[in-house]
């Protein structure tokens, strides 16, 4: 794997002028963080003339989740840049679509069940995935809420391509984990916290004792990953973040499907928790994907931290006619399983009526 020039960006990692917003929370391995960041920094640059430089991945100790932050100013700039490109450059979307489909072809067999069987095959898979990833990001970005104001065939085609491939962005993670654990069973415990470059190094020799010690520390203590650099979690103290409004008994968000429901909350942060939702409960999640469908079908309503009106939760809500509020930013932090709430998807307001006993004792 080619090594990126790190020296030119090192001094930006701890730039206190940046103000980070929490955008996503995911069950991700470090492998997926590297693919994501390469797509943002280097992949988007190929298609837009510049890349998203300030994406930050934070893995807390003992947590299965990784939180992804962006600098709000930079993110807003890219929203406008992509919208303008799509509107004003009539060659832009056809070109994105063409290469999206081109790089999708070698990945499609894996979406249909093929497994990675060797380090050599993994190398080709990784190369194709990192080429496809920024195009996938653009296909997801184009039907964003602001872009929907112009409508047109670009949005329709982007939605269609997204629906065909949306499951694979998650499946690529599972493919890697399956490959690594089967190919290198003695290192299986490190699968979630290892970089592609470290995987490729196994082509020549096994991990040294010093490398294994580093992995153990990374796993135990957590880390931050930004601009191709891994750093200890304590370095996060030098960064600035927009605070989340957690001390509240009322939340607001964007209406995805109208309706009004009163019921108990079930917070589902992990895919392993999907089956814990009981019929009639209100599903609360960071976001949803096709794996959440069994829970969505049983839920009385849906609330998410993330998403716009073309996200999976919003589309599912409209198809299944489930009252849904998306983009609350903090629902998974404020609401706890067992809380009694009123979800008013006619106004976009969620009220906490009664806290669950365990929630009260923890406040």
Protein backbone atom coordinates (compact mmCIF):
# COMPACT_ATOMS: atom_id res chain seq x y z
CA UNK A 1 0.00 0.00 0.00
CA UNK A 2 1.32 3.47 -0.85
CA UNK A 3 2.23 5.58 2.13
CA UNK A 4 0.76 9.09 2.16
CA UNK A 5 2.92 12.13 2.86
CA UNK A 6 2.27 12.69 6.54
CA UNK A 7 4.73 15.48 7.28
CA UNK A 8 2.71 18.18 5.50
CA UNK A 9 -0.41 17.58 7.61
CA UNK A 10 1.03 16.68 11.01
CA UNK A 11 0.75 20.18 12.46
CA UNK A 12 -2.98 20.30 11.55
CA UNK A 13 -3.94 17.32 13.67
CA UNK A 14 -4.01 19.36 16.88
CA UNK A 15 -5.14 22.66 15.36
CA UNK A 16 -7.17 24.31 18.14
CA UNK A 17 -8.90 26.64 15.67
CA UNK A 18 -10.93 23.73 14.32
CA UNK A 19 -14.34 23.11 15.84
CA UNK A 20 -15.54 19.56 15.45
CA UNK A 21 -19.18 18.46 15.22
CA UNK A 22 -20.23 14.89 15.93
CA UNK A 23 -21.74 13.57 12.69
CA UNK A 24 -21.83 9.78 12.92
CA UNK A 25 -21.42 6.92 15.35
CA UNK A 26 -20.74 3.50 13.90
CA UNK A 27 -19.62 -0.04 14.63
CA UNK A 28 -16.43 0.35 12.63
CA UNK A 29 -13.03 -1.25 12.53
CA UNK A 30 -9.92 0.84 12.05
CA UNK A 31 -9.73 -0.66 8.54
CA UNK A 32 -12.98 1.10 7.63
CA UNK A 33 -11.80 4.35 9.21
CA UNK A 34 -8.74 4.32 6.94
CA UNK A 35 -10.87 3.61 3.84
CA UNK A 36 -13.32 6.37 4.84
CA UNK A 37 -10.57 8.92 5.49
CA UNK A 38 -8.67 8.10 2.29
CA UNK A 39 -11.92 8.56 0.37
CA UNK A 40 -12.57 11.95 2.00
CA UNK A 41 -9.04 13.35 1.79
CA UNK A 42 -7.66 11.91 -1.41
CA UNK A 43 -10.58 10.40 -3.32
CA UNK A 44 -12.83 13.46 -3.24
CA UNK A 45 -9.89 15.62 -4.31
CA UNK A 46 -9.81 13.75 -7.62
CA UNK A 47 -13.46 14.57 -8.34
CA UNK A 48 -13.87 17.96 -6.67
CA UNK A 49 -10.39 19.46 -6.87
CA UNK A 50 -9.97 19.25 -3.10
CA UNK A 51 -10.64 16.77 -0.35
CA UNK A 52 -12.21 16.91 3.10
CA UNK A 53 -9.11 17.34 5.25
CA UNK A 54 -10.67 17.41 8.70
CA UNK A 55 -12.36 14.13 9.50
CA UNK A 56 -11.68 12.75 12.95
CA UNK A 57 -12.33 9.21 14.21
CA UNK A 58 -12.50 8.63 17.97
CA UNK A 59 -12.44 5.18 19.56
CA UNK A 60 -12.95 5.19 23.32
CA UNK A 61 -11.56 2.41 25.45
CA UNK A 62 -13.81 -0.66 25.68
CA UNK A 63 -16.43 0.86 23.35
CA UNK A 64 -17.48 -1.06 20.22
CA UNK A 65 -18.42 2.24 18.56
CA UNK A 66 -16.34 4.82 16.72
CA UNK A 67 -17.50 8.43 16.64
CA UNK A 68 -16.83 10.44 13.48
CA UNK A 69 -16.42 14.21 13.65
CA UNK A 70 -16.10 16.86 10.96
CA UNK A 71 -15.22 20.53 11.11
CA UNK A 72 -18.59 22.24 10.56
CA UNK A 73 -17.22 25.05 8.38
CA UNK A 74 -15.48 22.64 6.03
CA UNK A 75 -18.52 20.36 5.85
CA UNK A 76 -20.83 23.26 4.95
CA UNK A 77 -18.39 24.34 2.26
CA UNK A 78 -18.43 20.87 0.69
CA UNK A 79 -22.23 20.74 0.82
CA UNK A 80 -22.31 23.88 -1.31
CA UNK A 81 -19.48 22.73 -3.57
CA UNK A 82 -21.19 19.44 -4.43
CA UNK A 83 -24.56 21.09 -4.94
CA UNK A 84 -23.04 23.72 -7.24
CA UNK A 85 -21.07 21.11 -9.18
CA UNK A 86 -24.18 19.03 -9.73
CA UNK A 87 -26.27 22.02 -10.78
CA UNK A 88 -23.80 23.93 -12.94
CA UNK A 89 -21.53 21.30 -14.45
CA UNK A 90 -23.73 19.03 -16.56
CA UNK A 91 -20.82 16.61 -17.11
CA UNK A 92 -20.18 16.14 -13.39
CA UNK A 93 -22.93 13.69 -12.42
CA UNK A 94 -22.65 11.52 -15.58
CA UNK A 95 -18.91 11.21 -14.93
CA UNK A 96 -19.46 10.32 -11.27
CA UNK A 97 -22.07 7.75 -12.24
CA UNK A 98 -19.82 6.24 -14.95
CA UNK A 99 -16.89 5.67 -12.61
CA UNK A 100 -19.11 4.65 -9.71
CA UNK A 101 -20.40 1.78 -11.87
CA UNK A 102 -16.91 1.03 -13.22
CA UNK A 103 -15.40 0.56 -9.77
CA UNK A 104 -18.53 -1.19 -8.51
CA UNK A 105 -18.15 -4.04 -11.01
CA UNK A 106 -15.15 -5.75 -9.33
CA UNK A 107 -16.81 -5.26 -5.92
CA UNK A 108 -20.20 -6.61 -6.95
CA UNK A 109 -19.26 -10.32 -6.56
CA UNK A 110 -18.39 -9.60 -2.91
CA UNK A 111 -21.77 -7.95 -2.42
CA UNK A 112 -23.28 -11.19 -3.77
CA UNK A 113 -21.45 -13.42 -1.30
CA UNK A 114 -17.89 -13.91 -2.50
CA UNK A 115 -15.25 -14.05 0.26
CA UNK A 116 -11.67 -12.77 0.28
CA UNK A 117 -9.39 -15.82 0.32
CA UNK A 118 -5.82 -14.47 0.25
CA UNK A 119 -3.69 -11.44 1.07
CA UNK A 120 -3.19 -10.89 -2.66
CA UNK A 121 -6.95 -10.85 -3.26
CA UNK A 122 -7.33 -8.54 -0.26
CA UNK A 123 -4.90 -6.11 -1.91
CA UNK A 124 -7.04 -5.91 -5.05
CA UNK A 125 -10.22 -5.65 -2.98
CA UNK A 126 -8.75 -2.77 -0.98
CA UNK A 127 -7.61 -0.98 -4.12
CA UNK A 128 -11.07 -1.23 -5.70
CA UNK A 129 -12.83 -0.28 -2.48
CA UNK A 130 -10.78 2.89 -1.97
CA UNK A 131 -11.38 3.88 -5.62
CA UNK A 132 -15.15 3.34 -5.27
CA UNK A 133 -15.58 4.89 -1.82
CA UNK A 134 -15.41 8.62 -2.72
CA UNK A 135 -17.81 8.04 -5.62
CA UNK A 136 -20.15 6.27 -3.23
CA UNK A 137 -19.89 9.30 -0.92
CA UNK A 138 -20.84 11.62 -3.79
CA UNK A 139 -23.78 9.41 -4.79
CA UNK A 140 -25.00 9.60 -1.18
CA UNK A 141 -24.33 13.33 -0.96
CA UNK A 142 -26.09 14.45 -4.15
CA UNK A 143 -29.65 13.65 -2.92
CA UNK A 144 -28.98 15.55 0.34
CA UNK A 145 -31.89 17.72 1.59
CA UNK A 146 -30.63 20.98 0.08
CA UNK A 147 -29.99 19.32 -3.25
CA UNK A 148 -33.54 18.02 -3.42
CA UNK A 149 -34.74 21.55 -4.15
CA UNK A 150 -33.58 21.19 -7.73
CA UNK A 151 -34.81 17.61 -8.14
CA UNK A 152 -34.30 16.25 -11.62
CA UNK A 153 -32.85 13.04 -12.99
CA UNK A 154 -29.56 13.36 -11.09
CA UNK A 155 -31.31 12.94 -7.75
CA UNK A 156 -33.48 10.08 -9.02
CA UNK A 157 -30.48 8.22 -10.46
CA UNK A 158 -28.39 8.84 -7.36
CA UNK A 159 -31.16 7.42 -5.15
CA UNK A 160 -31.40 4.37 -7.40
CA UNK A 161 -27.65 3.70 -7.28
CA UNK A 162 -27.65 4.23 -3.54
CA UNK A 163 -30.46 1.75 -2.99
CA UNK A 164 -28.66 -0.87 -5.09
CA UNK A 165 -25.40 -0.61 -3.16
CA UNK A 166 -26.13 0.86 0.29
CA UNK A 167 -25.73 -2.43 2.13
CA UNK A 168 -22.21 -2.95 0.81
CA UNK A 169 -20.60 -0.02 2.63
CA UNK A 170 -21.35 -1.99 5.82
CA UNK A 171 -20.68 -5.40 4.27
CA UNK A 172 -17.16 -4.37 3.19
CA UNK A 173 -16.32 -4.09 6.88
CA UNK A 174 -17.64 -7.59 7.56
CA UNK A 175 -15.75 -8.96 4.56
CA UNK A 176 -12.48 -7.61 5.91
CA UNK A 177 -13.09 -8.93 9.43
CA UNK A 178 -14.02 -12.38 8.10
CA UNK A 179 -10.92 -12.49 5.88
CA UNK A 180 -8.50 -11.36 8.58
CA UNK A 181 -9.81 -13.65 11.31
CA UNK A 182 -9.74 -16.70 9.04
CA UNK A 183 -6.40 -15.89 7.38
CA UNK A 184 -4.63 -14.93 10.62
CA UNK A 185 -6.51 -16.64 13.48
CA UNK A 186 -3.74 -16.02 16.02
CA UNK A 187 -4.22 -12.28 15.49
CA UNK A 188 -8.04 -12.37 15.35
CA UNK A 189 -8.40 -10.33 18.54
CA UNK A 190 -6.79 -7.36 16.76
CA UNK A 191 -9.03 -7.39 13.67
CA UNK A 192 -11.02 -4.31 14.74
CA UNK A 193 -7.99 -2.14 15.57
CA UNK A 194 -5.56 -2.83 12.73
CA UNK A 195 -4.77 -0.72 9.66
CA UNK A 196 -4.60 -1.96 6.05
CA UNK A 197 -0.86 -1.15 6.01
CA UNK A 198 -0.36 -3.40 9.03
CA UNK A 199 -2.30 -6.18 7.32
CA UNK A 200 -0.14 -5.88 4.20
CA UNK A 201 3.00 -6.11 6.32
CA UNK A 202 2.02 -9.71 7.13
CA UNK A 203 2.81 -10.56 3.52
CA UNK A 204 6.50 -10.41 4.46
CA UNK A 205 6.70 -11.39 8.13
CA UNK A 206 4.60 -11.95 11.24
CA UNK A 207 3.97 -9.20 13.76
CA UNK A 208 6.78 -8.50 16.18
CA UNK A 209 6.39 -8.50 19.96
CA UNK A 210 6.61 -4.70 19.90
CA UNK A 211 3.79 -4.49 17.33
CA UNK A 212 1.60 -6.80 19.40
CA UNK A 213 2.26 -4.65 22.47
CA UNK A 214 1.20 -1.59 20.46
CA UNK A 215 -2.01 -3.35 19.38
CA UNK A 216 -2.77 -4.31 22.98
CA UNK A 217 -2.39 -0.68 24.08
CA UNK A 218 -4.52 0.54 21.17
CA UNK A 219 -7.26 -1.94 22.05
CA UNK A 220 -7.17 -1.19 25.77
CA UNK A 221 -6.76 2.58 25.71
CA UNK A 222 -8.62 3.64 22.55
CA UNK A 223 -7.29 6.03 19.92
CA UNK A 224 -7.96 8.95 17.61
CA UNK A 225 -7.31 8.69 13.87
CA UNK A 226 -6.93 11.75 11.69
CA UNK A 227 -4.96 12.65 8.57
CA UNK A 228 -3.41 9.17 8.30
CA UNK A 229 -2.14 9.30 11.87
CA UNK A 230 -3.02 7.20 14.89
CA UNK A 231 -2.64 8.88 18.25
CA UNK A 232 -3.50 8.00 21.86
CA UNK A 233 -6.99 8.92 23.01
CA UNK A 234 -5.65 11.49 25.50
CA UNK A 235 -4.60 13.71 22.57
CA UNK A 236 -8.28 14.52 22.13
CA UNK A 237 -7.92 17.06 24.96
CA UNK A 238 -6.14 19.40 22.54
CA UNK A 239 -9.12 19.48 20.14
CA UNK A 240 -12.25 21.65 20.29
CA UNK A 241 -15.78 20.28 19.96
CA UNK A 242 -19.25 21.73 19.66
CA UNK A 243 -21.05 20.69 22.87
CA UNK A 244 -24.13 18.48 22.58
CA UNK A 245 -27.35 19.69 24.30
CA UNK A 246 -27.81 16.71 26.62
CA UNK A 247 -29.56 18.33 29.61
CA UNK A 248 -33.05 18.41 28.14
CA UNK A 249 -36.45 16.76 28.41
CA UNK A 250 -37.44 17.71 24.89
CA UNK A 251 -35.80 16.95 21.55
CA UNK A 252 -36.43 18.19 18.05
CA UNK A 253 -35.58 16.82 14.65
CA UNK A 254 -36.65 16.57 11.04
CA UNK A 255 -39.97 14.94 10.18
CA UNK A 256 -39.56 11.91 7.91
CA UNK A 257 -43.12 10.58 8.21
CA UNK A 258 -45.95 12.23 10.12
CA UNK A 259 -47.87 10.79 13.04
CA UNK A 260 -48.05 10.88 16.82
CA UNK A 261 -47.09 8.02 19.15
CA UNK A 262 -46.69 7.59 22.90
CA UNK A 263 -44.66 4.64 24.06
CA UNK A 264 -41.51 3.18 25.56
CA UNK A 265 -38.05 3.72 24.11
CA UNK A 266 -35.71 0.98 22.98
CA UNK A 267 -32.20 2.30 22.25
CA UNK A 268 -30.40 0.14 19.70
CA UNK A 269 -26.77 1.20 19.27
CA UNK A 270 -25.38 -2.11 18.00
CA UNK A 271 -26.55 -4.54 15.33
CA UNK A 272 -26.39 -7.29 17.98
CA UNK A 273 -29.16 -5.42 19.85
CA UNK A 274 -31.61 -5.26 16.93
CA UNK A 275 -33.57 -8.33 18.07
CA UNK A 276 -34.07 -6.88 21.58
CA UNK A 277 -36.73 -4.46 20.32
CA UNK A 278 -40.25 -5.57 21.30
CA UNK A 279 -43.36 -4.92 19.18
CA UNK A 280 -44.77 -1.47 19.84
CA UNK A 281 -41.59 0.06 21.25
CA UNK A 282 -40.08 3.22 19.78
CA UNK A 283 -36.80 2.51 18.05
CA UNK A 284 -34.00 4.97 18.88
CA UNK A 285 -30.74 4.58 16.97
CA UNK A 286 -27.77 6.55 15.67
CA UNK A 287 -28.96 5.62 12.18
CA UNK A 288 -30.47 2.60 10.45
CA UNK A 289 -29.45 0.40 7.55
CA UNK A 290 -31.03 -2.64 5.88
CA UNK A 291 -30.09 -4.83 8.87
CA UNK A 292 -32.47 -2.79 11.03
CA UNK A 293 -35.55 -3.72 9.01
CA UNK A 294 -36.79 -6.45 11.42
CA UNK A 295 -36.76 -3.88 14.24
CA UNK A 296 -38.27 -1.12 12.10
CA UNK A 297 -41.19 -3.37 11.15
CA UNK A 298 -41.93 -4.10 14.84
CA UNK A 299 -41.42 -0.52 16.04
CA UNK A 300 -44.27 1.90 16.67
CA UNK A 301 -42.06 4.78 15.58
CA UNK A 302 -38.44 5.68 14.80
CA UNK A 303 -36.02 8.30 16.11
CA UNK A 304 -32.45 8.75 14.85
CA UNK A 305 -29.49 10.98 15.67
CA UNK A 306 -28.45 11.22 12.04
CA UNK A 307 -29.91 11.45 8.57
CA UNK A 308 -31.71 13.54 6.02
CA UNK A 309 -34.96 12.87 4.19
CA UNK A 310 -33.25 10.45 1.81
CA UNK A 311 -31.56 8.37 4.53
CA UNK A 312 -32.48 4.72 5.11
CA UNK A 313 -34.62 5.47 8.17
CA UNK A 314 -36.63 8.13 6.31
CA UNK A 315 -37.19 5.94 3.26
CA UNK A 316 -38.22 2.97 5.43
CA UNK A 317 -40.56 5.18 7.46
CA UNK A 318 -42.37 6.35 4.35
CA UNK A 319 -42.60 2.83 2.92
CA UNK A 320 -43.87 1.31 6.19
CA UNK A 321 -45.83 4.39 7.33
CA UNK A 322 -44.03 4.69 10.66
CA UNK A 323 -44.04 8.08 12.45
CA UNK A 324 -40.38 9.09 12.33
CA UNK A 325 -38.16 11.96 13.43
CA UNK A 326 -34.58 11.98 12.15
CA UNK A 327 -31.51 14.14 12.66
CA UNK A 328 -32.01 14.80 16.40
CA UNK A 329 -28.22 14.59 16.92
CA UNK A 330 -28.53 13.48 20.56
CA UNK A 331 -31.48 11.06 20.91
CA UNK A 332 -29.25 8.06 21.73
CA UNK A 333 -27.52 10.12 24.42
CA UNK A 334 -30.59 11.73 26.01
CA UNK A 335 -33.10 8.88 25.74
CA UNK A 336 -32.65 5.56 27.54
CA UNK A 337 -34.35 2.21 27.08
CA UNK A 338 -37.58 2.16 29.08
CA UNK A 339 -38.21 5.91 29.02
CA UNK A 340 -41.84 6.83 28.29
CA UNK A 341 -42.01 9.47 25.56
CA UNK A 342 -44.38 11.28 23.24
CA UNK A 343 -43.17 11.43 19.65
CA UNK A 344 -45.01 14.05 17.64
CA UNK A 345 -43.90 13.65 14.05
CA UNK A 346 -46.41 16.30 13.01
CA UNK A 347 -44.31 18.98 14.73
CA UNK A 348 -40.91 17.25 14.95
CA UNK A 349 -40.91 17.33 18.77
CA UNK A 350 -40.12 14.50 21.21
CA UNK A 351 -41.12 14.92 24.88
CA UNK A 352 -39.91 12.75 27.76
CA UNK A 353 -42.98 11.94 29.85
CA UNK A 354 -41.43 9.61 32.40
CA UNK A 355 -37.90 8.44 32.96
CA UNK A 356 -37.22 4.76 33.48
CA UNK A 357 -36.13 3.97 37.05
CA UNK A 358 -32.57 3.08 36.00
CA UNK A 359 -32.34 6.30 33.99
CA UNK A 360 -33.32 8.37 37.03
CA UNK A 361 -30.69 6.77 39.22
CA UNK A 362 -27.97 7.45 36.65
CA UNK A 363 -28.74 11.20 36.41
